[in-house]
């Protein structure tokens, strides 16, 4: 793998970036759909619109997500609405971040800070 494209250089992810990757791992979504998905999953910090779109631009530039050709049905289409999809690199980075966070949770449980979390 190209050294500049290695997964570790993206870690740790900002909470909004991990949340976007979690949402897009389940399927293509537009920005507002990502916010609704975050709320439905009970995300601790649902991003505001400005934060979300800055993150989406940054993540596209990094190759973690890409634009999708998907469009809504014509009669309800909003031409400003853009759909995003996770890239193979974005999926690798999301998995690596999940493993990193799980290791931190195990360490916190071993230190008695929290109860053990089932894996």
PDB file of N, CA and C in Angstrom:
ATOM      1  N   UNK A   1       0.852  -1.185   0.000  1.00  0.00           N
ATOM      2  CA  UNK A   1       0.000   0.000   0.000  1.00  0.00           C
ATOM      3  C   UNK A   1       0.892   1.241   0.000  1.00  0.00           C
ATOM      4  N   UNK A   2       0.531   2.250  -0.717  1.00  0.00           N
ATOM      5  CA  UNK A   2       1.237   3.510  -0.759  1.00  0.00           C
ATOM      6  C   UNK A   2       1.330   4.089   0.657  1.00  0.00           C
ATOM      7  N   UNK A   3       2.537   4.487   1.067  1.00  0.00           N
ATOM      8  CA  UNK A   3       2.746   4.997   2.418  1.00  0.00           C
ATOM      9  C   UNK A   3       1.819   6.185   2.733  1.00  0.00           C
ATOM     10  N   UNK A   4       1.620   7.083   1.773  1.00  0.00           N
ATOM     11  CA  UNK A   4       0.749   8.238   2.000  1.00  0.00           C
ATOM     12  C   UNK A   4      -0.713   7.852   2.143  1.00  0.00           C
ATOM     13  N   UNK A   5      -1.104   6.708   1.686  1.00  0.00           N
ATOM     14  CA  UNK A   5      -2.504   6.276   1.739  1.00  0.00           C
ATOM     15  C   UNK A   5      -2.727   5.288   2.876  1.00  0.00           C
ATOM     16  N   UNK A   6      -1.719   5.064   3.753  1.00  0.00           N
ATOM     17  CA  UNK A   6      -1.893   4.088   4.816  1.00  0.00           C
ATOM     18  C   UNK A   6      -3.026   4.531   5.751  1.00  0.00           C
ATOM     19  N   UNK A   7      -3.672   3.569   6.303  1.00  0.00           N
ATOM     20  CA  UNK A   7      -4.847   3.801   7.145  1.00  0.00           C
ATOM     21  C   UNK A   7      -4.478   4.580   8.407  1.00  0.00           C
ATOM     22  N   UNK A   8      -3.349   4.267   8.996  1.00  0.00           N
ATOM     23  CA  UNK A   8      -2.975   4.857  10.284  1.00  0.00           C
ATOM     24  C   UNK A   8      -2.816   6.369  10.226  1.00  0.00           C
ATOM     25  N   UNK A   9      -2.499   6.914   9.092  1.00  0.00           N
ATOM     26  CA  UNK A   9      -2.285   8.355   9.037  1.00  0.00           C
ATOM     27  C   UNK A   9      -3.594   9.143   9.247  1.00  0.00           C
ATOM     28  N   UNK A  10      -4.736   8.476   9.139  1.00  0.00           N
ATOM     29  CA  UNK A  10      -6.029   9.149   9.336  1.00  0.00           C
ATOM     30  C   UNK A  10      -6.489   9.113  10.795  1.00  0.00           C
ATOM     31  N   UNK A  11      -5.810   8.309  11.623  1.00  0.00           N
ATOM     32  CA  UNK A  11      -6.268   8.089  13.003  1.00  0.00           C
ATOM     33  C   UNK A  11      -5.557   9.021  13.978  1.00  0.00           C
ATOM     34  N   UNK A  12      -6.219   9.423  15.036  1.00  0.00           N
ATOM     35  CA  UNK A  12      -7.628   9.201  15.332  1.00  0.00           C
ATOM     36  C   UNK A  12      -8.512  10.103  14.480  1.00  0.00           C
ATOM     37  N   UNK A  13      -9.693   9.607  14.174  1.00  0.00           N
ATOM     38  CA  UNK A  13     -10.663  10.398  13.423  1.00  0.00           C
ATOM     39  C   UNK A  13     -11.351  11.397  14.343  1.00  0.00           C
ATOM     40  N   UNK A  14     -11.777  12.505  13.790  1.00  0.00           N
ATOM     41  CA  UNK A  14     -12.653  13.424  14.521  1.00  0.00           C
ATOM     42  C   UNK A  14     -14.006  12.730  14.678  1.00  0.00           C
ATOM     43  N   UNK A  15     -14.721  13.014  15.779  1.00  0.00           N
ATOM     44  CA  UNK A  15     -16.023  12.363  15.966  1.00  0.00           C
ATOM     45  C   UNK A  15     -16.954  12.511  14.765  1.00  0.00           C
ATOM     46  N   UNK A  16     -17.003  13.687  14.148  1.00  0.00           N
ATOM     47  CA  UNK A  16     -17.897  13.878  13.000  1.00  0.00           C
ATOM     48  C   UNK A  16     -17.460  12.996  11.829  1.00  0.00           C
ATOM     49  N   UNK A  17     -16.173  12.803  11.647  1.00  0.00           N
ATOM     50  CA  UNK A  17     -15.698  11.958  10.543  1.00  0.00           C
ATOM     51  C   UNK A  17     -16.071  10.493  10.774  1.00  0.00           C
ATOM     52  N   UNK A  18     -15.888  10.013  12.003  1.00  0.00           N
ATOM     53  CA  UNK A  18     -16.250   8.626  12.301  1.00  0.00           C
ATOM     54  C   UNK A  18     -17.752   8.438  12.135  1.00  0.00           C
ATOM     55  N   UNK A  19     -18.517   9.425  12.569  1.00  0.00           N
ATOM     56  CA  UNK A  19     -19.969   9.342  12.445  1.00  0.00           C
ATOM     57  C   UNK A  19     -20.397   9.292  10.971  1.00  0.00           C
ATOM     58  N   UNK A  20     -19.757  10.088  10.132  1.00  0.00           N
ATOM     59  CA  UNK A  20     -20.069  10.070   8.693  1.00  0.00           C
ATOM     60  C   UNK A  20     -19.743   8.688   8.113  1.00  0.00           C
ATOM     61  N   UNK A  21     -18.598   8.139   8.473  1.00  0.00           N
ATOM     62  CA  UNK A  21     -18.233   6.821   7.938  1.00  0.00           C
ATOM     63  C   UNK A  21     -19.188   5.743   8.440  1.00  0.00           C
ATOM     64  N   UNK A  22     -19.603   5.835   9.708  1.00  0.00           N
ATOM     65  CA  UNK A  22     -20.588   4.874  10.225  1.00  0.00           C
ATOM     66  C   UNK A  22     -21.881   4.944   9.418  1.00  0.00           C
ATOM     67  N   UNK A  23     -22.322   6.151   9.144  1.00  0.00           N
ATOM     68  CA  UNK A  23     -23.573   6.335   8.409  1.00  0.00           C
ATOM     69  C   UNK A  23     -23.451   5.802   6.982  1.00  0.00           C
ATOM     70  N   UNK A  24     -22.353   6.146   6.308  1.00  0.00           N
ATOM     71  CA  UNK A  24     -22.201   5.746   4.904  1.00  0.00           C
ATOM     72  C   UNK A  24     -21.853   4.264   4.756  1.00  0.00           C
ATOM     73  N   UNK A  25     -21.360   3.627   5.814  1.00  0.00           N
ATOM     74  CA  UNK A  25     -21.097   2.184   5.755  1.00  0.00           C
ATOM     75  C   UNK A  25     -22.405   1.416   5.571  1.00  0.00           C
ATOM     76  N   UNK A  26     -23.513   2.030   6.005  1.00  0.00           N
ATOM     77  CA  UNK A  26     -24.829   1.388   5.876  1.00  0.00           C
ATOM     78  C   UNK A  26     -25.485   1.683   4.530  1.00  0.00           C
ATOM     79  N   UNK A  27     -24.923   2.608   3.758  1.00  0.00           N
ATOM     80  CA  UNK A  27     -25.489   2.916   2.449  1.00  0.00           C
ATOM     81  C   UNK A  27     -25.284   4.372   2.072  1.00  0.00           C
ATOM     82  N   UNK A  28     -25.522   4.679   0.815  1.00  0.00           N
ATOM     83  CA  UNK A  28     -25.365   6.045   0.308  1.00  0.00           C
ATOM     84  C   UNK A  28     -26.384   6.959   0.983  1.00  0.00           C
ATOM     85  N   UNK A  29     -25.956   8.181   1.267  1.00  0.00           N
ATOM     86  CA  UNK A  29     -26.856   9.147   1.892  1.00  0.00           C
ATOM     87  C   UNK A  29     -26.475  10.550   1.438  1.00  0.00           C
ATOM     88  N   UNK A  30     -27.428  11.469   1.501  1.00  0.00           N
ATOM     89  CA  UNK A  30     -27.135  12.884   1.317  1.00  0.00           C
ATOM     90  C   UNK A  30     -26.851  13.471   2.699  1.00  0.00           C
ATOM     91  N   UNK A  31     -26.380  14.720   2.740  1.00  0.00           N
ATOM     92  CA  UNK A  31     -25.968  15.324   3.996  1.00  0.00           C
ATOM     93  C   UNK A  31     -27.039  15.301   5.070  1.00  0.00           C
ATOM     94  N   UNK A  32     -28.241  15.723   4.738  1.00  0.00           N
ATOM     95  CA  UNK A  32     -29.312  15.723   5.727  1.00  0.00           C
ATOM     96  C   UNK A  32     -29.634  14.294   6.165  1.00  0.00           C
ATOM     97  N   UNK A  33     -29.523  13.344   5.256  1.00  0.00           N
ATOM     98  CA  UNK A  33     -29.740  11.939   5.607  1.00  0.00           C
ATOM     99  C   UNK A  33     -28.706  11.449   6.621  1.00  0.00           C
ATOM    100  N   UNK A  34     -27.479  11.947   6.501  1.00  0.00           N
ATOM    101  CA  UNK A  34     -26.437  11.588   7.476  1.00  0.00           C
ATOM    102  C   UNK A  34     -26.812  12.128   8.853  1.00  0.00           C
ATOM    103  N   UNK A  35     -27.306  13.365   8.904  1.00  0.00           N
ATOM    104  CA  UNK A  35     -27.714  13.950  10.188  1.00  0.00           C
ATOM    105  C   UNK A  35     -28.869  13.140  10.791  1.00  0.00           C
ATOM    106  N   UNK A  36     -29.863  12.803   9.971  1.00  0.00           N
ATOM    107  CA  UNK A  36     -30.998  12.017  10.471  1.00  0.00           C
ATOM    108  C   UNK A  36     -30.543  10.648  10.962  1.00  0.00           C
ATOM    109  N   UNK A  37     -29.609  10.030  10.241  1.00  0.00           N
ATOM    110  CA  UNK A  37     -29.092   8.716  10.645  1.00  0.00           C
ATOM    111  C   UNK A  37     -28.340   8.833  11.967  1.00  0.00           C
ATOM    112  N   UNK A  38     -27.561   9.895  12.124  1.00  0.00           N
ATOM    113  CA  UNK A  38     -26.825  10.110  13.383  1.00  0.00           C
ATOM    114  C   UNK A  38     -27.797  10.215  14.552  1.00  0.00           C
ATOM    115  N   UNK A  39     -28.865  10.972  14.359  1.00  0.00           N
ATOM    116  CA  UNK A  39     -29.862  11.123  15.415  1.00  0.00           C
ATOM    117  C   UNK A  39     -30.514   9.780  15.729  1.00  0.00           C
ATOM    118  N   UNK A  40     -30.835   9.015  14.692  1.00  0.00           N
ATOM    119  CA  UNK A  40     -31.499   7.717  14.891  1.00  0.00           C
ATOM    120  C   UNK A  40     -30.586   6.729  15.620  1.00  0.00           C
ATOM    121  N   UNK A  41     -29.270   6.821  15.386  1.00  0.00           N
ATOM    122  CA  UNK A  41     -28.330   5.927  16.069  1.00  0.00           C
ATOM    123  C   UNK A  41     -27.992   6.419  17.465  1.00  0.00           C
ATOM    124  N   UNK A  42     -28.507   7.577  17.849  1.00  0.00           N
ATOM    125  CA  UNK A  42     -28.225   8.116  19.178  1.00  0.00           C
ATOM    126  C   UNK A  42     -26.819   8.645  19.310  1.00  0.00           C
ATOM    127  N   UNK A  43     -26.274   9.177  18.221  1.00  0.00           N
ATOM    128  CA  UNK A  43     -24.921   9.730  18.259  1.00  0.00           C
ATOM    129  C   UNK A  43     -24.833  10.784  19.352  1.00  0.00           C
ATOM    130  N   UNK A  44     -23.719  10.802  20.042  1.00  0.00           N
ATOM    131  CA  UNK A  44     -23.555  11.736  21.157  1.00  0.00           C
ATOM    132  C   UNK A  44     -23.377  13.173  20.678  1.00  0.00           C
ATOM    133  N   UNK A  45     -22.865  13.358  19.486  1.00  0.00           N
ATOM    134  CA  UNK A  45     -22.651  14.713  18.964  1.00  0.00           C
ATOM    135  C   UNK A  45     -23.111  14.752  17.506  1.00  0.00           C
ATOM    136  N   UNK A  46     -24.391  14.992  17.305  1.00  0.00           N
ATOM    137  CA  UNK A  46     -24.916  15.113  15.944  1.00  0.00           C
ATOM    138  C   UNK A  46     -24.362  16.411  15.352  1.00  0.00           C
ATOM    139  N   UNK A  47     -23.712  16.319  14.177  1.00  0.00           N
ATOM    140  CA  UNK A  47     -23.076  17.511  13.619  1.00  0.00           C
ATOM    141  C   UNK A  47     -24.100  18.531  13.121  1.00  0.00           C
ATOM    142  N   UNK A  48     -23.719  19.829  13.264  1.00  0.00           N
ATOM    143  CA  UNK A  48     -24.553  20.855  12.638  1.00  0.00           C
ATOM    144  C   UNK A  48     -24.211  20.870  11.152  1.00  0.00           C
ATOM    145  N   UNK A  49     -25.027  21.553  10.367  1.00  0.00           N
ATOM    146  CA  UNK A  49     -24.893  21.505   8.909  1.00  0.00           C
ATOM    147  C   UNK A  49     -23.522  22.008   8.449  1.00  0.00           C
ATOM    148  N   UNK A  50     -23.045  23.122   9.001  1.00  0.00           N
ATOM    149  CA  UNK A  50     -21.754  23.660   8.585  1.00  0.00           C
ATOM    150  C   UNK A  50     -20.612  22.712   8.886  1.00  0.00           C
ATOM    151  N   UNK A  51     -20.603  22.142  10.074  1.00  0.00           N
ATOM    152  CA  UNK A  51     -19.563  21.189  10.459  1.00  0.00           C
ATOM    153  C   UNK A  51     -19.608  19.966   9.552  1.00  0.00           C
ATOM    154  N   UNK A  52     -20.816  19.486   9.281  1.00  0.00           N
ATOM    155  CA  UNK A  52     -20.955  18.299   8.443  1.00  0.00           C
ATOM    156  C   UNK A  52     -20.408  18.545   7.037  1.00  0.00           C
ATOM    157  N   UNK A  53     -20.777  19.653   6.406  1.00  0.00           N
ATOM    158  CA  UNK A  53     -20.352  19.858   5.016  1.00  0.00           C
ATOM    159  C   UNK A  53     -18.864  20.164   4.905  1.00  0.00           C
ATOM    160  N   UNK A  54     -18.272  20.801   5.934  1.00  0.00           N
ATOM    161  CA  UNK A  54     -16.812  20.961   5.927  1.00  0.00           C
ATOM    162  C   UNK A  54     -16.149  19.588   6.027  1.00  0.00           C
ATOM    163  N   UNK A  55     -16.692  18.718   6.875  1.00  0.00           N
ATOM    164  CA  UNK A  55     -16.137  17.368   7.021  1.00  0.00           C
ATOM    165  C   UNK A  55     -16.298  16.575   5.731  1.00  0.00           C
ATOM    166  N   UNK A  56     -17.450  16.692   5.082  1.00  0.00           N
ATOM    167  CA  UNK A  56     -17.676  15.951   3.835  1.00  0.00           C
ATOM    168  C   UNK A  56     -16.669  16.381   2.756  1.00  0.00           C
ATOM    169  N   UNK A  57     -16.436  17.684   2.633  1.00  0.00           N
ATOM    170  CA  UNK A  57     -15.445  18.167   1.640  1.00  0.00           C
ATOM    171  C   UNK A  57     -14.049  17.639   1.956  1.00  0.00           C
ATOM    172  N   UNK A  58     -13.662  17.733   3.240  1.00  0.00           N
ATOM    173  CA  UNK A  58     -12.340  17.264   3.656  1.00  0.00           C
ATOM    174  C   UNK A  58     -12.201  15.753   3.391  1.00  0.00           C
ATOM    175  N   UNK A  59     -13.236  15.003   3.720  1.00  0.00           N
ATOM    176  CA  UNK A  59     -13.175  13.552   3.562  1.00  0.00           C
ATOM    177  C   UNK A  59     -13.159  13.149   2.091  1.00  0.00           C
ATOM    178  N   UNK A  60     -13.824  13.922   1.235  1.00  0.00           N
ATOM    179  CA  UNK A  60     -13.738  13.667  -0.209  1.00  0.00           C
ATOM    180  C   UNK A  60     -12.317  13.926  -0.695  1.00  0.00           C
ATOM    181  N   UNK A  61     -11.725  15.014  -0.255  1.00  0.00           N
ATOM    182  CA  UNK A  61     -10.349  15.331  -0.656  1.00  0.00           C
ATOM    183  C   UNK A  61      -9.374  14.242  -0.211  1.00  0.00           C
ATOM    184  N   UNK A  62      -9.624  13.612   0.935  1.00  0.00           N
ATOM    185  CA  UNK A  62      -8.764  12.562   1.469  1.00  0.00           C
ATOM    186  C   UNK A  62      -9.042  11.197   0.846  1.00  0.00           C
ATOM    187  N   UNK A  63     -10.124  11.079   0.078  1.00  0.00           N
ATOM    188  CA  UNK A  63     -10.460   9.808  -0.549  1.00  0.00           C
ATOM    189  C   UNK A  63     -11.209   8.846   0.349  1.00  0.00           C
ATOM    190  N   UNK A  64     -11.738   9.336   1.486  1.00  0.00           N
ATOM    191  CA  UNK A  64     -12.482   8.460   2.402  1.00  0.00           C
ATOM    192  C   UNK A  64     -13.912   8.248   1.948  1.00  0.00           C
ATOM    193  N   UNK A  65     -14.462   9.239   1.275  1.00  0.00           N
ATOM    194  CA  UNK A  65     -15.814   9.138   0.720  1.00  0.00           C
ATOM    195  C   UNK A  65     -15.780   9.686  -0.706  1.00  0.00           C
ATOM    196  N   UNK A  66     -16.813   9.363  -1.461  1.00  0.00           N
ATOM    197  CA  UNK A  66     -16.909   9.861  -2.824  1.00  0.00           C
ATOM    198  C   UNK A  66     -18.323  10.275  -3.127  1.00  0.00           C
ATOM    199  N   UNK A  67     -18.477  11.035  -4.189  1.00  0.00           N
ATOM    200  CA  UNK A  67     -19.809  11.432  -4.635  1.00  0.00           C
ATOM    201  C   UNK A  67     -20.475  10.237  -5.299  1.00  0.00           C
ATOM    202  N   UNK A  68     -21.763  10.141  -5.131  1.00  0.00           N
ATOM    203  CA  UNK A  68     -22.541   9.083  -5.750  1.00  0.00           C
ATOM    204  C   UNK A  68     -23.377   9.678  -6.877  1.00  0.00           C
ATOM    205  N   UNK A  69     -23.672   8.884  -7.870  1.00  0.00           N
ATOM    206  CA  UNK A  69     -24.517   9.335  -8.976  1.00  0.00           C
ATOM    207  C   UNK A  69     -25.988   9.251  -8.620  1.00  0.00           C
ATOM    208  N   UNK A  70     -26.306   8.717  -7.444  1.00  0.00           N
ATOM    209  CA  UNK A  70     -27.693   8.533  -7.022  1.00  0.00           C
ATOM    210  C   UNK A  70     -28.431   9.868  -6.971  1.00  0.00           C
ATOM    211  N   UNK A  71     -29.668   9.861  -7.376  1.00  0.00           N
ATOM    212  CA  UNK A  71     -30.549  11.030  -7.311  1.00  0.00           C
ATOM    213  C   UNK A  71     -31.901  10.572  -6.810  1.00  0.00           C
ATOM    214  N   UNK A  72     -32.637  11.485  -6.189  1.00  0.00           N
ATOM    215  CA  UNK A  72     -33.992  11.174  -5.746  1.00  0.00           C
ATOM    216  C   UNK A  72     -34.885  10.979  -6.962  1.00  0.00           C
ATOM    217  N   UNK A  73     -36.085  10.472  -6.734  1.00  0.00           N
ATOM    218  CA  UNK A  73     -37.041  10.336  -7.824  1.00  0.00           C
ATOM    219  C   UNK A  73     -37.320  11.725  -8.392  1.00  0.00           C
ATOM    220  N   UNK A  74     -37.527  11.859  -9.709  1.00  0.00           N
ATOM    221  CA  UNK A  74     -37.622  13.177 -10.346  1.00  0.00           C
ATOM    222  C   UNK A  74     -38.603  14.157  -9.721  1.00  0.00           C
ATOM    223  N   UNK A  75     -39.817  13.700  -9.340  1.00  0.00           N
ATOM    224  CA  UNK A  75     -40.820  14.646  -8.844  1.00  0.00           C
ATOM    225  C   UNK A  75     -40.444  15.251  -7.480  1.00  0.00           C
ATOM    226  N   UNK A  76     -39.602  14.588  -6.718  1.00  0.00           N
ATOM    227  CA  UNK A  76     -39.207  15.140  -5.423  1.00  0.00           C
ATOM    228  C   UNK A  76     -37.726  15.525  -5.404  1.00  0.00           C
ATOM    229  N   UNK A  77     -37.113  15.506  -6.579  1.00  0.00           N
ATOM    230  CA  UNK A  77     -35.673  15.755  -6.630  1.00  0.00           C
ATOM    231  C   UNK A  77     -35.324  17.193  -6.257  1.00  0.00           C
ATOM    232  N   UNK A  78     -34.294  17.320  -5.486  1.00  0.00           N
ATOM    233  CA  UNK A  78     -33.711  18.610  -5.170  1.00  0.00           C
ATOM    234  C   UNK A  78     -32.332  18.572  -5.808  1.00  0.00           C
ATOM    235  N   UNK A  79     -32.149  19.362  -6.866  1.00  0.00           N
ATOM    236  CA  UNK A  79     -30.897  19.293  -7.629  1.00  0.00           C
ATOM    237  C   UNK A  79     -29.682  19.670  -6.797  1.00  0.00           C
ATOM    238  N   UNK A  80     -29.895  20.357  -5.666  1.00  0.00           N
ATOM    239  CA  UNK A  80     -28.763  20.718  -4.812  1.00  0.00           C
ATOM    240  C   UNK A  80     -28.312  19.536  -3.960  1.00  0.00           C
ATOM    241  N   UNK A  81     -29.138  18.522  -3.855  1.00  0.00           N
ATOM    242  CA  UNK A  81     -28.850  17.394  -2.983  1.00  0.00           C
ATOM    243  C   UNK A  81     -27.805  16.487  -3.614  1.00  0.00           C
ATOM    244  N   UNK A  82     -26.717  16.265  -2.895  1.00  0.00           N
ATOM    245  CA  UNK A  82     -25.653  15.381  -3.363  1.00  0.00           C
ATOM    246  C   UNK A  82     -25.588  14.171  -2.439  1.00  0.00           C
ATOM    247  N   UNK A  83     -25.432  13.011  -3.043  1.00  0.00           N
ATOM    248  CA  UNK A  83     -25.279  11.784  -2.268  1.00  0.00           C
ATOM    249  C   UNK A  83     -23.810  11.433  -2.162  1.00  0.00           C
ATOM    250  N   UNK A  84     -23.463  10.797  -1.053  1.00  0.00           N
ATOM    251  CA  UNK A  84     -22.087  10.386  -0.785  1.00  0.00           C
ATOM    252  C   UNK A  84     -22.065   8.889  -0.532  1.00  0.00           C
ATOM    253  N   UNK A  85     -20.894   8.293  -0.817  1.00  0.00           N
ATOM    254  CA  UNK A  85     -20.702   6.878  -0.539  1.00  0.00           C
ATOM    255  C   UNK A  85     -19.322   6.672   0.053  1.00  0.00           C
ATOM    256  N   UNK A  86     -19.188   5.644   0.869  1.00  0.00           N
ATOM    257  CA  UNK A  86     -17.902   5.332   1.478  1.00  0.00           C
ATOM    258  C   UNK A  86     -17.018   4.654   0.435  1.00  0.00           C
ATOM    259  N   UNK A  87     -15.738   4.938   0.457  1.00  0.00           N
ATOM    260  CA  UNK A  87     -14.782   4.298  -0.460  1.00  0.00           C
ATOM    261  C   UNK A  87     -14.152   3.095   0.245  1.00  0.00           C
ATOM    262  N   UNK A  88     -13.482   2.232  -0.489  1.00  0.00           N
ATOM    263  CA  UNK A  88     -12.771   1.119   0.177  1.00  0.00           C
ATOM    264  C   UNK A  88     -11.770   1.630   1.220  1.00  0.00           C
ATOM    265  N   UNK A  89     -11.065   2.728   0.937  1.00  0.00           N
ATOM    266  CA  UNK A  89     -10.154   3.313   1.923  1.00  0.00           C
ATOM    267  C   UNK A  89     -10.929   3.797   3.141  1.00  0.00           C
ATOM    268  N   UNK A  90     -12.070   4.442   2.933  1.00  0.00           N
ATOM    269  CA  UNK A  90     -12.890   4.913   4.046  1.00  0.00           C
ATOM    270  C   UNK A  90     -13.370   3.760   4.924  1.00  0.00           C
ATOM    271  N   UNK A  91     -13.715   2.650   4.303  1.00  0.00           N
ATOM    272  CA  UNK A  91     -14.150   1.473   5.067  1.00  0.00           C
ATOM    273  C   UNK A  91     -12.994   0.922   5.907  1.00  0.00           C
ATOM    274  N   UNK A  92     -11.802   0.869   5.328  1.00  0.00           N
ATOM    275  CA  UNK A  92     -10.618   0.415   6.090  1.00  0.00           C
ATOM    276  C   UNK A  92     -10.343   1.333   7.269  1.00  0.00           C
ATOM    277  N   UNK A  93     -10.429   2.633   7.039  1.00  0.00           N
ATOM    278  CA  UNK A  93     -10.169   3.611   8.097  1.00  0.00           C
ATOM    279  C   UNK A  93     -11.232   3.484   9.194  1.00  0.00           C
ATOM    280  N   UNK A  94     -12.499   3.320   8.821  1.00  0.00           N
ATOM    281  CA  UNK A  94     -13.566   3.167   9.825  1.00  0.00           C
ATOM    282  C   UNK A  94     -13.331   1.920  10.670  1.00  0.00           C
ATOM    283  N   UNK A  95     -12.943   0.833  10.038  1.00  0.00           N
ATOM    284  CA  UNK A  95     -12.666  -0.400  10.797  1.00  0.00           C
ATOM    285  C   UNK A  95     -11.482  -0.207  11.745  1.00  0.00           C
ATOM    286  N   UNK A  96     -10.431   0.454  11.266  1.00  0.00           N
ATOM    287  CA  UNK A  96      -9.258   0.699  12.118  1.00  0.00           C
ATOM    288  C   UNK A  96      -9.622   1.597  13.300  1.00  0.00           C
ATOM    289  N   UNK A  97     -10.451   2.606  13.069  1.00  0.00           N
ATOM    290  CA  UNK A  97     -10.875   3.492  14.161  1.00  0.00           C
ATOM    291  C   UNK A  97     -11.735   2.722  15.158  1.00  0.00           C
ATOM    292  N   UNK A  98     -12.606   1.863  14.687  1.00  0.00           N
ATOM    293  CA  UNK A  98     -13.439   1.062  15.595  1.00  0.00           C
ATOM    294  C   UNK A  98     -12.561   0.152  16.458  1.00  0.00           C
ATOM    295  N   UNK A  99     -11.536  -0.451  15.859  1.00  0.00           N
ATOM    296  CA  UNK A  99     -10.618  -1.303  16.642  1.00  0.00           C
ATOM    297  C   UNK A  99      -9.869  -0.465  17.679  1.00  0.00           C
ATOM    298  N   UNK A 100      -9.433   0.755  17.279  1.00  0.00           N
ATOM    299  CA  UNK A 100      -8.706   1.629  18.202  1.00  0.00           C
ATOM    300  C   UNK A 100      -9.607   2.007  19.383  1.00  0.00           C
ATOM    301  N   UNK A 101     -10.841   2.372  19.104  1.00  0.00           N
ATOM    302  CA  UNK A 101     -11.771   2.757  20.168  1.00  0.00           C
ATOM    303  C   UNK A 101     -12.106   1.567  21.072  1.00  0.00           C
ATOM    304  N   UNK A 102     -12.236   0.378  20.503  1.00  0.00           N
ATOM    305  CA  UNK A 102     -12.518  -0.822  21.305  1.00  0.00           C
ATOM    306  C   UNK A 102     -11.355  -1.104  22.254  1.00  0.00           C
ATOM    307  N   UNK A 103     -10.129  -0.909  21.774  1.00  0.00           N
ATOM    308  CA  UNK A 103      -8.959  -1.121  22.635  1.00  0.00           C
ATOM    309  C   UNK A 103      -8.963  -0.118  23.785  1.00  0.00           C
ATOM    310  N   UNK A 104      -9.332   1.130  23.510  1.00  0.00           N
ATOM    311  CA  UNK A 104      -9.421   2.141  24.572  1.00  0.00           C
ATOM    312  C   UNK A 104     -10.501   1.767  25.584  1.00  0.00           C
ATOM    313  N   UNK A 105     -11.621   1.248  25.126  1.00  0.00           N
ATOM    314  CA  UNK A 105     -12.701   0.839  26.027  1.00  0.00           C
ATOM    315  C   UNK A 105     -12.243  -0.318  26.915  1.00  0.00           C
ATOM    316  N   UNK A 106     -11.524  -1.270  26.327  1.00  0.00           N
ATOM    317  CA  UNK A 106     -10.999  -2.395  27.139  1.00  0.00           C
ATOM    318  C   UNK A 106     -10.021  -1.874  28.195  1.00  0.00           C
ATOM    319  N   UNK A 107      -9.176  -0.921  27.824  1.00  0.00           N
ATOM    320  CA  UNK A 107      -8.214  -0.344  28.773  1.00  0.00           C
ATOM    321  C   UNK A 107      -8.950   0.406  29.884  1.00  0.00           C
ATOM    322  N   UNK A 108      -9.995   1.142  29.548  1.00  0.00           N
ATOM    323  CA  UNK A 108     -10.770   1.872  30.550  1.00  0.00           C
ATOM    324  C   UNK A 108     -11.459   0.899  31.503  1.00  0.00           C
ATOM    325  N   UNK A 109     -11.958  -0.207  30.972  1.00  0.00           N
ATOM    326  CA  UNK A 109     -12.600  -1.217  31.818  1.00  0.00           C
ATOM    327  C   UNK A 109     -11.570  -1.882  32.728  1.00  0.00           C
ATOM    328  N   UNK A 110     -10.385  -2.171  32.201  1.00  0.00           N
ATOM    329  CA  UNK A 110      -9.334  -2.798  33.007  1.00  0.00           C
ATOM    330  C   UNK A 110      -8.871  -1.864  34.128  1.00  0.00           C
ATOM    331  N   UNK A 111      -8.980  -0.571  33.916  1.00  0.00           N
ATOM    332  CA  UNK A 111      -8.591   0.412  34.930  1.00  0.00           C
ATOM    333  C   UNK A 111      -9.707   0.704  35.923  1.00  0.00           C
ATOM    334  N   UNK A 112     -10.877   0.099  35.699  1.00  0.00           N
ATOM    335  CA  UNK A 112     -12.003   0.308  36.592  1.00  0.00           C
ATOM    336  C   UNK A 112     -12.760   1.599  36.358  1.00  0.00           C
ATOM    337  N   UNK A 113     -12.468   2.279  35.268  1.00  0.00           N
ATOM    338  CA  UNK A 113     -13.162   3.530  34.970  1.00  0.00           C
ATOM    339  C   UNK A 113     -14.586   3.289  34.483  1.00  0.00           C
ATOM    340  N   UNK A 114     -14.784   2.187  33.787  1.00  0.00           N
ATOM    341  CA  UNK A 114     -16.105   1.820  33.278  1.00  0.00           C
ATOM    342  C   UNK A 114     -16.292   0.325  33.475  1.00  0.00           C
ATOM    343  N   UNK A 115     -17.530  -0.129  33.334  1.00  0.00           N
ATOM    344  CA  UNK A 115     -17.784  -1.562  33.371  1.00  0.00           C
ATOM    345  C   UNK A 115     -17.321  -2.165  32.058  1.00  0.00           C
ATOM    346  N   UNK A 116     -16.970  -3.435  32.099  1.00  0.00           N
ATOM    347  CA  UNK A 116     -16.530  -4.121  30.885  1.00  0.00           C
ATOM    348  C   UNK A 116     -17.626  -4.050  29.830  1.00  0.00           C
ATOM    349  N   UNK A 117     -17.227  -3.855  28.602  1.00  0.00           N
ATOM    350  CA  UNK A 117     -18.151  -3.771  27.483  1.00  0.00           C
ATOM    351  C   UNK A 117     -18.067  -5.072  26.703  1.00  0.00           C
ATOM    352  N   UNK A 118     -19.216  -5.657  26.436  1.00  0.00           N
ATOM    353  CA  UNK A 118     -19.262  -6.890  25.656  1.00  0.00           C
ATOM    354  C   UNK A 118     -18.811  -6.592  24.237  1.00  0.00           C
ATOM    355  N   UNK A 119     -18.049  -7.495  23.647  1.00  0.00           N
ATOM    356  CA  UNK A 119     -17.602  -7.299  22.260  1.00  0.00           C
ATOM    357  C   UNK A 119     -18.241  -8.265  21.332  1.00  0.00           C
TER     358      UNK A 119
END
